[in-house]
PDB file of all heavy atoms in Angstrom:
ATOM      1  N   SER A   1       1.017   8.091   0.407  1.00  0.00           N
ATOM      2  CA  SER A   1       1.335   7.381  -0.825  1.00  0.00           C
ATOM      3  C   SER A   1       1.371   5.889  -0.579  1.00  0.00           C
ATOM      4  O   SER A   1       0.700   5.107  -1.241  1.00  0.00           O
ATOM      5  CB  SER A   1       2.686   7.842  -1.372  1.00  0.00           C
ATOM      6  OG  SER A   1       3.071   7.050  -2.462  1.00  0.00           O
ATOM      7  N   THR A   2       2.182   5.517   0.365  1.00  0.00           N
ATOM      8  CA  THR A   2       2.328   4.132   0.774  1.00  0.00           C
ATOM      9  C   THR A   2       2.910   4.165   2.187  1.00  0.00           C
ATOM     10  O   THR A   2       3.226   5.228   2.700  1.00  0.00           O
ATOM     11  CB  THR A   2       3.230   3.348  -0.204  1.00  0.00           C
ATOM     12  OG1 THR A   2       3.131   1.955   0.081  1.00  0.00           O
ATOM     13  CG2 THR A   2       4.679   3.773  -0.130  1.00  0.00           C
ATOM     14  N   ARG A   3       3.060   3.055   2.776  1.00  0.00           N
ATOM     15  CA  ARG A   3       3.523   2.987   4.161  1.00  0.00           C
ATOM     16  C   ARG A   3       4.809   3.795   4.354  1.00  0.00           C
ATOM     17  O   ARG A   3       5.832   3.526   3.738  1.00  0.00           O
ATOM     18  CB  ARG A   3       3.749   1.531   4.533  1.00  0.00           C
ATOM     19  CG  ARG A   3       4.044   1.328   5.980  1.00  0.00           C
ATOM     20  CD  ARG A   3       4.136  -0.133   6.274  1.00  0.00           C
ATOM     21  NE  ARG A   3       4.358  -0.350   7.686  1.00  0.00           N
ATOM     22  CZ  ARG A   3       4.540  -1.528   8.234  1.00  0.00           C
ATOM     23  NH1 ARG A   3       4.511  -2.606   7.474  1.00  0.00           N
ATOM     24  NH2 ARG A   3       4.738  -1.639   9.508  1.00  0.00           N
ATOM     25  N   GLY A   4       4.728   4.811   5.199  1.00  0.00           N
ATOM     26  CA  GLY A   4       5.900   5.606   5.543  1.00  0.00           C
ATOM     27  C   GLY A   4       6.203   6.742   4.594  1.00  0.00           C
ATOM     28  O   GLY A   4       7.148   7.500   4.836  1.00  0.00           O
ATOM     29  N   LEU A   5       5.455   6.894   3.521  1.00  0.00           N
ATOM     30  CA  LEU A   5       5.706   7.972   2.553  1.00  0.00           C
ATOM     31  C   LEU A   5       4.417   8.714   2.242  1.00  0.00           C
ATOM     32  O   LEU A   5       3.378   8.090   2.050  1.00  0.00           O
ATOM     33  CB  LEU A   5       6.275   7.409   1.246  1.00  0.00           C
ATOM     34  CG  LEU A   5       7.646   6.744   1.314  1.00  0.00           C
ATOM     35  CD1 LEU A   5       7.979   6.082  -0.012  1.00  0.00           C
ATOM     36  CD2 LEU A   5       8.717   7.756   1.691  1.00  0.00           C
ATOM     37  N   ASP A   6       4.527  10.047   2.150  1.00  0.00           N
ATOM     38  CA  ASP A   6       3.339  10.809   1.814  1.00  0.00           C
ATOM     39  C   ASP A   6       3.394  11.287   0.360  1.00  0.00           C
ATOM     40  O   ASP A   6       4.382  11.069  -0.348  1.00  0.00           O
ATOM     41  CB  ASP A   6       3.120  11.971   2.778  1.00  0.00           C
ATOM     42  CG  ASP A   6       4.187  13.049   2.731  1.00  0.00           C
ATOM     43  OD1 ASP A   6       4.845  13.205   1.675  1.00  0.00           O
ATOM     44  OD2 ASP A   6       4.360  13.747   3.745  1.00  0.00           O
ATOM     45  N   LEU A   7       2.340  11.927  -0.064  1.00  0.00           N
ATOM     46  CA  LEU A   7       2.212  12.383  -1.441  1.00  0.00           C
ATOM     47  C   LEU A   7       3.338  13.340  -1.822  1.00  0.00           C
ATOM     48  O   LEU A   7       3.878  13.265  -2.928  1.00  0.00           O
ATOM     49  CB  LEU A   7       0.843  13.041  -1.631  1.00  0.00           C
ATOM     50  CG  LEU A   7       0.517  13.603  -2.997  1.00  0.00           C
ATOM     51  CD1 LEU A   7       0.567  12.516  -4.069  1.00  0.00           C
ATOM     52  CD2 LEU A   7      -0.862  14.248  -2.975  1.00  0.00           C
ATOM     53  N   ASP A   8       3.721  14.228  -0.920  1.00  0.00           N
ATOM     54  CA  ASP A   8       4.793  15.175  -1.213  1.00  0.00           C
ATOM     55  C   ASP A   8       6.127  14.479  -1.431  1.00  0.00           C
ATOM     56  O   ASP A   8       6.916  14.870  -2.286  1.00  0.00           O
ATOM     57  CB  ASP A   8       4.925  16.210  -0.096  1.00  0.00           C
ATOM     58  CG  ASP A   8       3.697  17.100   0.018  1.00  0.00           C
ATOM     59  OD1 ASP A   8       3.071  17.378  -1.026  1.00  0.00           O
ATOM     60  OD2 ASP A   8       3.366  17.504   1.144  1.00  0.00           O
ATOM     61  N   GLN A   9       6.392  13.442  -0.673  1.00  0.00           N
ATOM     62  CA  GLN A   9       7.652  12.707  -0.795  1.00  0.00           C
ATOM     63  C   GLN A   9       7.692  11.846  -2.059  1.00  0.00           C
ATOM     64  O   GLN A   9       8.713  11.750  -2.728  1.00  0.00           O
ATOM     65  CB  GLN A   9       7.862  11.800   0.420  1.00  0.00           C
ATOM     66  CG  GLN A   9       8.050  12.553   1.715  1.00  0.00           C
ATOM     67  CD  GLN A   9       7.910  11.635   2.915  1.00  0.00           C
ATOM     68  OE1 GLN A   9       6.946  10.894   3.032  1.00  0.00           O
ATOM     69  NE2 GLN A   9       8.891  11.697   3.800  1.00  0.00           N
ATOM     70  N   GLN A  10       6.577  11.202  -2.380  1.00  0.00           N
ATOM     71  CA  GLN A  10       6.527  10.232  -3.466  1.00  0.00           C
ATOM     72  C   GLN A  10       6.062  10.828  -4.790  1.00  0.00           C
ATOM     73  O   GLN A  10       6.458  10.363  -5.845  1.00  0.00           O
ATOM     74  CB  GLN A  10       5.630   9.057  -3.066  1.00  0.00           C
ATOM     75  CG  GLN A  10       5.724   7.861  -3.927  1.00  0.00           C
ATOM     76  CD  GLN A  10       7.041   7.127  -3.788  1.00  0.00           C
ATOM     77  OE1 GLN A  10       7.843   7.381  -2.900  1.00  0.00           O
ATOM     78  NE2 GLN A  10       7.298   6.215  -4.698  1.00  0.00           N
ATOM     79  N   GLY A  11       5.195  11.824  -4.713  1.00  0.00           N
ATOM     80  CA  GLY A  11       4.681  12.448  -5.929  1.00  0.00           C
ATOM     81  C   GLY A  11       3.414  11.819  -6.471  1.00  0.00           C
ATOM     82  O   GLY A  11       2.836  12.314  -7.431  1.00  0.00           O
ATOM     83  N   PHE A  12       2.979  10.736  -5.879  1.00  0.00           N
ATOM     84  CA  PHE A  12       1.752  10.054  -6.296  1.00  0.00           C
ATOM     85  C   PHE A  12       1.312   9.139  -5.169  1.00  0.00           C
ATOM     86  O   PHE A  12       2.052   8.914  -4.215  1.00  0.00           O
ATOM     87  CB  PHE A  12       1.961   9.255  -7.584  1.00  0.00           C
ATOM     88  CG  PHE A  12       3.046   8.218  -7.489  1.00  0.00           C
ATOM     89  CD1 PHE A  12       2.763   6.920  -7.097  1.00  0.00           C
ATOM     90  CD2 PHE A  12       4.366   8.546  -7.787  1.00  0.00           C
ATOM     91  CE1 PHE A  12       3.767   5.963  -7.008  1.00  0.00           C
ATOM     92  CE2 PHE A  12       5.372   7.603  -7.711  1.00  0.00           C
ATOM     93  CZ  PHE A  12       5.071   6.308  -7.308  1.00  0.00           C
ATOM     94  N   ILE A  13       0.102   8.634  -5.283  1.00  0.00           N
ATOM     95  CA  ILE A  13      -0.436   7.681  -4.297  1.00  0.00           C
ATOM     96  C   ILE A  13      -0.474   6.309  -4.939  1.00  0.00           C
ATOM     97  O   ILE A  13      -1.073   6.136  -5.999  1.00  0.00           O
ATOM     98  CB  ILE A  13      -1.822   8.113  -3.801  1.00  0.00           C
ATOM     99  CG1 ILE A  13      -1.675   9.439  -3.021  1.00  0.00           C
ATOM    100  CG2 ILE A  13      -2.463   7.032  -2.948  1.00  0.00           C
ATOM    101  CD1 ILE A  13      -2.968  10.002  -2.497  1.00  0.00           C
ATOM    102  N   HIS A  14       0.174   5.355  -4.300  1.00  0.00           N
ATOM    103  CA  HIS A  14       0.217   3.987  -4.822  1.00  0.00           C
ATOM    104  C   HIS A  14      -1.169   3.352  -4.733  1.00  0.00           C
ATOM    105  O   HIS A  14      -1.816   3.407  -3.693  1.00  0.00           O
ATOM    106  CB  HIS A  14       1.180   3.125  -3.985  1.00  0.00           C
ATOM    107  CG  HIS A  14       2.608   3.355  -4.294  1.00  0.00           C
ATOM    108  ND1 HIS A  14       3.264   2.688  -5.298  1.00  0.00           N
ATOM    109  CD2 HIS A  14       3.509   4.180  -3.725  1.00  0.00           C
ATOM    110  CE1 HIS A  14       4.526   3.088  -5.328  1.00  0.00           C
ATOM    111  NE2 HIS A  14       4.706   4.000  -4.396  1.00  0.00           N
ATOM    112  N   CYS A  15      -1.560   2.721  -5.807  1.00  0.00           N
ATOM    113  CA  CYS A  15      -2.821   1.974  -5.851  1.00  0.00           C
ATOM    114  C   CYS A  15      -2.546   0.634  -6.521  1.00  0.00           C
ATOM    115  O   CYS A  15      -1.452   0.400  -7.027  1.00  0.00           O
ATOM    116  CB  CYS A  15      -3.881   2.755  -6.624  1.00  0.00           C
ATOM    117  SG  CYS A  15      -4.392   4.260  -5.815  1.00  0.00           S
ATOM    118  N   ALA A  16      -3.546  -0.204  -6.536  1.00  0.00           N
ATOM    119  CA  ALA A  16      -3.391  -1.529  -7.145  1.00  0.00           C
ATOM    120  C   ALA A  16      -4.731  -1.962  -7.732  1.00  0.00           C
ATOM    121  O   ALA A  16      -5.784  -1.501  -7.311  1.00  0.00           O
ATOM    122  CB  ALA A  16      -2.921  -2.544  -6.117  1.00  0.00           C
ATOM    123  N   PHE A  17      -4.643  -2.867  -8.686  1.00  0.00           N
ATOM    124  CA  PHE A  17      -5.822  -3.548  -9.195  1.00  0.00           C
ATOM    125  C   PHE A  17      -6.030  -4.792  -8.334  1.00  0.00           C
ATOM    126  O   PHE A  17      -5.100  -5.261  -7.673  1.00  0.00           O
ATOM    127  CB  PHE A  17      -5.639  -3.924 -10.659  1.00  0.00           C
ATOM    128  CG  PHE A  17      -5.571  -2.740 -11.579  1.00  0.00           C
ATOM    129  CD1 PHE A  17      -4.413  -2.453 -12.276  1.00  0.00           C
ATOM    130  CD2 PHE A  17      -6.665  -1.898 -11.749  1.00  0.00           C
ATOM    131  CE1 PHE A  17      -4.341  -1.355 -13.131  1.00  0.00           C
ATOM    132  CE2 PHE A  17      -6.612  -0.809 -12.595  1.00  0.00           C
ATOM    133  CZ  PHE A  17      -5.445  -0.530 -13.280  1.00  0.00           C
ATOM    134  N   PRO A  18      -7.231  -5.348  -8.327  1.00  0.00           N
ATOM    135  CA  PRO A  18      -7.509  -6.511  -7.476  1.00  0.00           C
ATOM    136  C   PRO A  18      -6.496  -7.662  -7.617  1.00  0.00           C
ATOM    137  O   PRO A  18      -6.103  -8.255  -6.617  1.00  0.00           O
ATOM    138  CB  PRO A  18      -8.908  -6.948  -7.907  1.00  0.00           C
ATOM    139  CG  PRO A  18      -9.556  -5.668  -8.342  1.00  0.00           C
ATOM    140  CD  PRO A  18      -8.448  -4.909  -9.027  1.00  0.00           C
ATOM    141  N   HIS A  19      -6.048  -7.952  -8.835  1.00  0.00           N
ATOM    142  CA  HIS A  19      -5.127  -9.067  -9.021  1.00  0.00           C
ATOM    143  C   HIS A  19      -3.734  -8.796  -8.439  1.00  0.00           C
ATOM    144  O   HIS A  19      -2.939  -9.715  -8.256  1.00  0.00           O
ATOM    145  CB  HIS A  19      -5.041  -9.466 -10.501  1.00  0.00           C
ATOM    146  CG  HIS A  19      -4.319  -8.458 -11.347  1.00  0.00           C
ATOM    147  ND1 HIS A  19      -4.966  -7.362 -11.889  1.00  0.00           N
ATOM    148  CD2 HIS A  19      -3.017  -8.374 -11.726  1.00  0.00           C
ATOM    149  CE1 HIS A  19      -4.082  -6.652 -12.578  1.00  0.00           C
ATOM    150  NE2 HIS A  19      -2.902  -7.244 -12.501  1.00  0.00           N
ATOM    151  N   GLN A  20      -3.430  -7.553  -8.110  1.00  0.00           N
ATOM    152  CA  GLN A  20      -2.134  -7.178  -7.541  1.00  0.00           C
ATOM    153  C   GLN A  20      -2.169  -7.066  -6.018  1.00  0.00           C
ATOM    154  O   GLN A  20      -1.122  -7.009  -5.372  1.00  0.00           O
ATOM    155  CB  GLN A  20      -1.697  -5.814  -8.105  1.00  0.00           C
ATOM    156  CG  GLN A  20      -1.533  -5.791  -9.591  1.00  0.00           C
ATOM    157  CD  GLN A  20      -1.373  -4.379 -10.112  1.00  0.00           C
ATOM    158  OE1 GLN A  20      -2.131  -3.481  -9.743  1.00  0.00           O
ATOM    159  NE2 GLN A  20      -0.383  -4.186 -10.969  1.00  0.00           N
ATOM    160  N   LEU A  21      -3.344  -7.034  -5.467  1.00  0.00           N
ATOM    161  CA  LEU A  21      -3.528  -6.687  -4.066  1.00  0.00           C
ATOM    162  C   LEU A  21      -2.808  -7.613  -3.080  1.00  0.00           C
ATOM    163  O   LEU A  21      -2.124  -7.142  -2.165  1.00  0.00           O
ATOM    164  CB  LEU A  21      -5.017  -6.639  -3.748  1.00  0.00           C
ATOM    165  CG  LEU A  21      -5.399  -5.945  -2.476  1.00  0.00           C
ATOM    166  CD1 LEU A  21      -4.967  -4.491  -2.500  1.00  0.00           C
ATOM    167  CD2 LEU A  21      -6.882  -6.053  -2.260  1.00  0.00           C
ATOM    168  N   GLU A  22      -2.920  -8.891  -3.267  1.00  0.00           N
ATOM    169  CA  GLU A  22      -2.300  -9.829  -2.340  1.00  0.00           C
ATOM    170  C   GLU A  22      -0.784  -9.640  -2.288  1.00  0.00           C
ATOM    171  O   GLU A  22      -0.190  -9.602  -1.218  1.00  0.00           O
ATOM    172  CB  GLU A  22      -2.635 -11.272  -2.708  1.00  0.00           C
ATOM    173  CG  GLU A  22      -2.089 -12.277  -1.715  1.00  0.00           C
ATOM    174  CD  GLU A  22      -2.482 -13.702  -2.045  1.00  0.00           C
ATOM    175  OE1 GLU A  22      -3.228 -13.930  -3.025  1.00  0.00           O
ATOM    176  OE2 GLU A  22      -2.043 -14.599  -1.307  1.00  0.00           O
ATOM    177  N   GLY A  23      -0.152  -9.504  -3.425  1.00  0.00           N
ATOM    178  CA  GLY A  23       1.293  -9.311  -3.474  1.00  0.00           C
ATOM    179  C   GLY A  23       1.728  -8.019  -2.802  1.00  0.00           C
ATOM    180  O   GLY A  23       2.713  -7.990  -2.057  1.00  0.00           O
ATOM    181  N   VAL A  24       1.004  -6.947  -3.060  1.00  0.00           N
ATOM    182  CA  VAL A  24       1.324  -5.653  -2.440  1.00  0.00           C
ATOM    183  C   VAL A  24       1.142  -5.739  -0.926  1.00  0.00           C
ATOM    184  O   VAL A  24       2.008  -5.296  -0.157  1.00  0.00           O
ATOM    185  CB  VAL A  24       0.433  -4.533  -3.022  1.00  0.00           C
ATOM    186  CG1 VAL A  24       0.605  -3.230  -2.249  1.00  0.00           C
ATOM    187  CG2 VAL A  24       0.742  -4.327  -4.499  1.00  0.00           C
ATOM    188  N   ALA A  25       0.040  -6.300  -0.493  1.00  0.00           N
ATOM    189  CA  ALA A  25      -0.221  -6.416   0.945  1.00  0.00           C
ATOM    190  C   ALA A  25       0.859  -7.252   1.636  1.00  0.00           C
ATOM    191  O   ALA A  25       1.358  -6.872   2.701  1.00  0.00           O
ATOM    192  CB  ALA A  25      -1.603  -7.031   1.185  1.00  0.00           C
ATOM    193  N   ASN A  26       1.231  -8.358   1.044  1.00  0.00           N
ATOM    194  CA  ASN A  26       2.251  -9.217   1.659  1.00  0.00           C
ATOM    195  C   ASN A  26       3.618  -8.543   1.676  1.00  0.00           C
ATOM    196  O   ASN A  26       4.356  -8.647   2.656  1.00  0.00           O
ATOM    197  CB  ASN A  26       2.332 -10.555   0.930  1.00  0.00           C
ATOM    198  CG  ASN A  26       1.137 -11.423   1.202  1.00  0.00           C
ATOM    199  OD1 ASN A  26       0.476 -11.291   2.227  1.00  0.00           O
ATOM    200  ND2 ASN A  26       0.844 -12.316   0.278  1.00  0.00           N
ATOM    201  N   ARG A  27       3.968  -7.856   0.613  1.00  0.00           N
ATOM    202  CA  ARG A  27       5.299  -7.245   0.508  1.00  0.00           C
ATOM    203  C   ARG A  27       5.473  -6.050   1.434  1.00  0.00           C
ATOM    204  O   ARG A  27       6.507  -5.892   2.071  1.00  0.00           O
ATOM    205  CB  ARG A  27       5.556  -6.833  -0.928  1.00  0.00           C
ATOM    206  CG  ARG A  27       6.920  -6.225  -1.116  1.00  0.00           C
ATOM    207  CD  ARG A  27       7.247  -5.984  -2.559  1.00  0.00           C
ATOM    208  NE  ARG A  27       8.578  -5.418  -2.678  1.00  0.00           N
ATOM    209  CZ  ARG A  27       9.086  -4.965  -3.776  1.00  0.00           C
ATOM    210  NH1 ARG A  27       8.395  -5.035  -4.902  1.00  0.00           N
ATOM    211  NH2 ARG A  27      10.283  -4.458  -3.812  1.00  0.00           N
ATOM    212  N   PHE A  28       4.473  -5.179   1.507  1.00  0.00           N
ATOM    213  CA  PHE A  28       4.634  -3.922   2.229  1.00  0.00           C
ATOM    214  C   PHE A  28       3.925  -3.865   3.572  1.00  0.00           C
ATOM    215  O   PHE A  28       4.246  -3.014   4.403  1.00  0.00           O
ATOM    216  CB  PHE A  28       4.150  -2.752   1.356  1.00  0.00           C
ATOM    217  CG  PHE A  28       4.969  -2.585   0.106  1.00  0.00           C
ATOM    218  CD1 PHE A  28       4.482  -3.017  -1.113  1.00  0.00           C
ATOM    219  CD2 PHE A  28       6.237  -2.036   0.152  1.00  0.00           C
ATOM    220  CE1 PHE A  28       5.227  -2.871  -2.272  1.00  0.00           C
ATOM    221  CE2 PHE A  28       7.002  -1.892  -0.997  1.00  0.00           C
ATOM    222  CZ  PHE A  28       6.503  -2.316  -2.200  1.00  0.00           C
ATOM    223  N   TYR A  29       2.966  -4.755   3.796  1.00  0.00           N
ATOM    224  CA  TYR A  29       2.167  -4.691   5.029  1.00  0.00           C
ATOM    225  C   TYR A  29       2.049  -6.046   5.721  1.00  0.00           C
ATOM    226  O   TYR A  29       1.158  -6.235   6.535  1.00  0.00           O
ATOM    227  CB  TYR A  29       0.764  -4.170   4.701  1.00  0.00           C
ATOM    228  CG  TYR A  29       0.746  -2.795   4.098  1.00  0.00           C
ATOM    229  CD1 TYR A  29       0.727  -2.613   2.710  1.00  0.00           C
ATOM    230  CD2 TYR A  29       0.755  -1.655   4.897  1.00  0.00           C
ATOM    231  CE1 TYR A  29       0.707  -1.345   2.152  1.00  0.00           C
ATOM    232  CE2 TYR A  29       0.739  -0.382   4.350  1.00  0.00           C
ATOM    233  CZ  TYR A  29       0.725  -0.246   2.979  1.00  0.00           C
ATOM    234  OH  TYR A  29       0.707   1.011   2.426  1.00  0.00           O
ATOM    235  N   GLY A  30       2.940  -6.968   5.429  1.00  0.00           N
ATOM    236  CA  GLY A  30       2.843  -8.312   5.964  1.00  0.00           C
ATOM    237  C   GLY A  30       2.858  -8.394   7.485  1.00  0.00           C
ATOM    238  O   GLY A  30       2.325  -9.338   8.062  1.00  0.00           O
ATOM    239  N   ASP A  31       3.462  -7.419   8.126  1.00  0.00           N
ATOM    240  CA  ASP A  31       3.548  -7.430   9.578  1.00  0.00           C
ATOM    241  C   ASP A  31       2.439  -6.636  10.262  1.00  0.00           C
ATOM    242  O   ASP A  31       2.395  -6.534  11.483  1.00  0.00           O
ATOM    243  CB  ASP A  31       4.898  -6.851  10.012  1.00  0.00           C
ATOM    244  CG  ASP A  31       5.076  -5.403   9.603  1.00  0.00           C
ATOM    245  OD1 ASP A  31       4.572  -5.023   8.531  1.00  0.00           O
ATOM    246  OD2 ASP A  31       5.711  -4.651  10.363  1.00  0.00           O
ATOM    247  N   VAL A  32       1.506  -6.094   9.489  1.00  0.00           N
ATOM    248  CA  VAL A  32       0.441  -5.262  10.040  1.00  0.00           C
ATOM    249  C   VAL A  32      -0.816  -6.105  10.236  1.00  0.00           C
ATOM    250  O   VAL A  32      -1.231  -6.847   9.348  1.00  0.00           O
ATOM    251  CB  VAL A  32       0.132  -4.076   9.090  1.00  0.00           C
ATOM    252  CG1 VAL A  32      -0.989  -3.216   9.648  1.00  0.00           C
ATOM    253  CG2 VAL A  32       1.394  -3.249   8.857  1.00  0.00           C
ATOM    254  N   VAL A  33      -1.412  -5.975  11.403  1.00  0.00           N
ATOM    255  CA  VAL A  33      -2.590  -6.779  11.740  1.00  0.00           C
ATOM    256  C   VAL A  33      -3.874  -6.201  11.145  1.00  0.00           C
ATOM    257  O   VAL A  33      -4.715  -6.928  10.637  1.00  0.00           O
ATOM    258  CB  VAL A  33      -2.730  -6.908  13.278  1.00  0.00           C
ATOM    259  CG1 VAL A  33      -4.008  -7.628  13.656  1.00  0.00           C
ATOM    260  CG2 VAL A  33      -1.523  -7.604  13.851  1.00  0.00           C
ATOM    261  N   GLU A  34      -4.012  -4.879  11.179  1.00  0.00           N
ATOM    262  CA  GLU A  34      -5.258  -4.257  10.714  1.00  0.00           C
ATOM    263  C   GLU A  34      -4.971  -3.268   9.586  1.00  0.00           C
ATOM    264  O   GLU A  34      -4.156  -2.353   9.736  1.00  0.00           O
ATOM    265  CB  GLU A  34      -5.951  -3.527  11.863  1.00  0.00           C
ATOM    266  CG  GLU A  34      -7.298  -2.966  11.496  1.00  0.00           C
ATOM    267  CD  GLU A  34      -7.986  -2.276  12.654  1.00  0.00           C
ATOM    268  OE1 GLU A  34      -7.482  -2.282  13.775  1.00  0.00           O
ATOM    269  OE2 GLU A  34      -9.062  -1.718  12.408  1.00  0.00           O
ATOM    270  N   LEU A  35      -5.640  -3.466   8.475  1.00  0.00           N
ATOM    271  CA  LEU A  35      -5.518  -2.590   7.312  1.00  0.00           C
ATOM    272  C   LEU A  35      -6.913  -2.253   6.796  1.00  0.00           C
ATOM    273  O   LEU A  35      -7.871  -2.975   7.056  1.00  0.00           O
ATOM    274  CB  LEU A  35      -4.747  -3.281   6.189  1.00  0.00           C
ATOM    275  CG  LEU A  35      -3.287  -3.586   6.450  1.00  0.00           C
ATOM    276  CD1 LEU A  35      -2.749  -4.498   5.360  1.00  0.00           C
ATOM    277  CD2 LEU A  35      -2.479  -2.302   6.532  1.00  0.00           C
ATOM    278  N   LEU A  36      -6.983  -1.179   6.045  1.00  0.00           N
ATOM    279  CA  LEU A  36      -8.218  -0.811   5.366  1.00  0.00           C
ATOM    280  C   LEU A  36      -7.980  -0.886   3.872  1.00  0.00           C
ATOM    281  O   LEU A  36      -6.880  -0.601   3.392  1.00  0.00           O
ATOM    282  CB  LEU A  36      -8.639   0.609   5.739  1.00  0.00           C
ATOM    283  CG  LEU A  36      -8.949   0.862   7.200  1.00  0.00           C
ATOM    284  CD1 LEU A  36      -9.220   2.348   7.416  1.00  0.00           C
ATOM    285  CD2 LEU A  36     -10.128   0.034   7.643  1.00  0.00           C
ATOM    286  N   LEU A  37      -8.990  -1.230   3.140  1.00  0.00           N
ATOM    287  CA  LEU A  37      -8.924  -1.258   1.692  1.00  0.00           C
ATOM    288  C   LEU A  37      -9.833  -0.152   1.160  1.00  0.00           C
ATOM    289  O   LEU A  37     -11.045  -0.191   1.332  1.00  0.00           O
ATOM    290  CB  LEU A  37      -9.358  -2.617   1.159  1.00  0.00           C
ATOM    291  CG  LEU A  37      -9.204  -2.835  -0.326  1.00  0.00           C
ATOM    292  CD1 LEU A  37      -7.747  -2.661  -0.753  1.00  0.00           C
ATOM    293  CD2 LEU A  37      -9.703  -4.224  -0.693  1.00  0.00           C
ATOM    294  N   LEU A  38      -9.205   0.854   0.557  1.00  0.00           N
ATOM    295  CA  LEU A  38      -9.966   1.974   0.009  1.00  0.00           C
ATOM    296  C   LEU A  38     -10.257   1.715  -1.467  1.00  0.00           C
ATOM    297  O   LEU A  38      -9.370   1.305  -2.207  1.00  0.00           O
ATOM    298  CB  LEU A  38      -9.167   3.272   0.151  1.00  0.00           C
ATOM    299  CG  LEU A  38      -8.688   3.618   1.564  1.00  0.00           C
ATOM    300  CD1 LEU A  38      -7.946   4.945   1.543  1.00  0.00           C
ATOM    301  CD2 LEU A  38      -9.833   3.651   2.563  1.00  0.00           C
TER     302      LEU A  38
END
């Protein structure tokens, strides 16, 4: 679903539109060096 949570725990998979991406990445993945964008 998102970092540290799976679909069973959260009930859905978090997604974003392009204009939301930077904020989501900074808030939840700011300390991660390598990410993938699906």
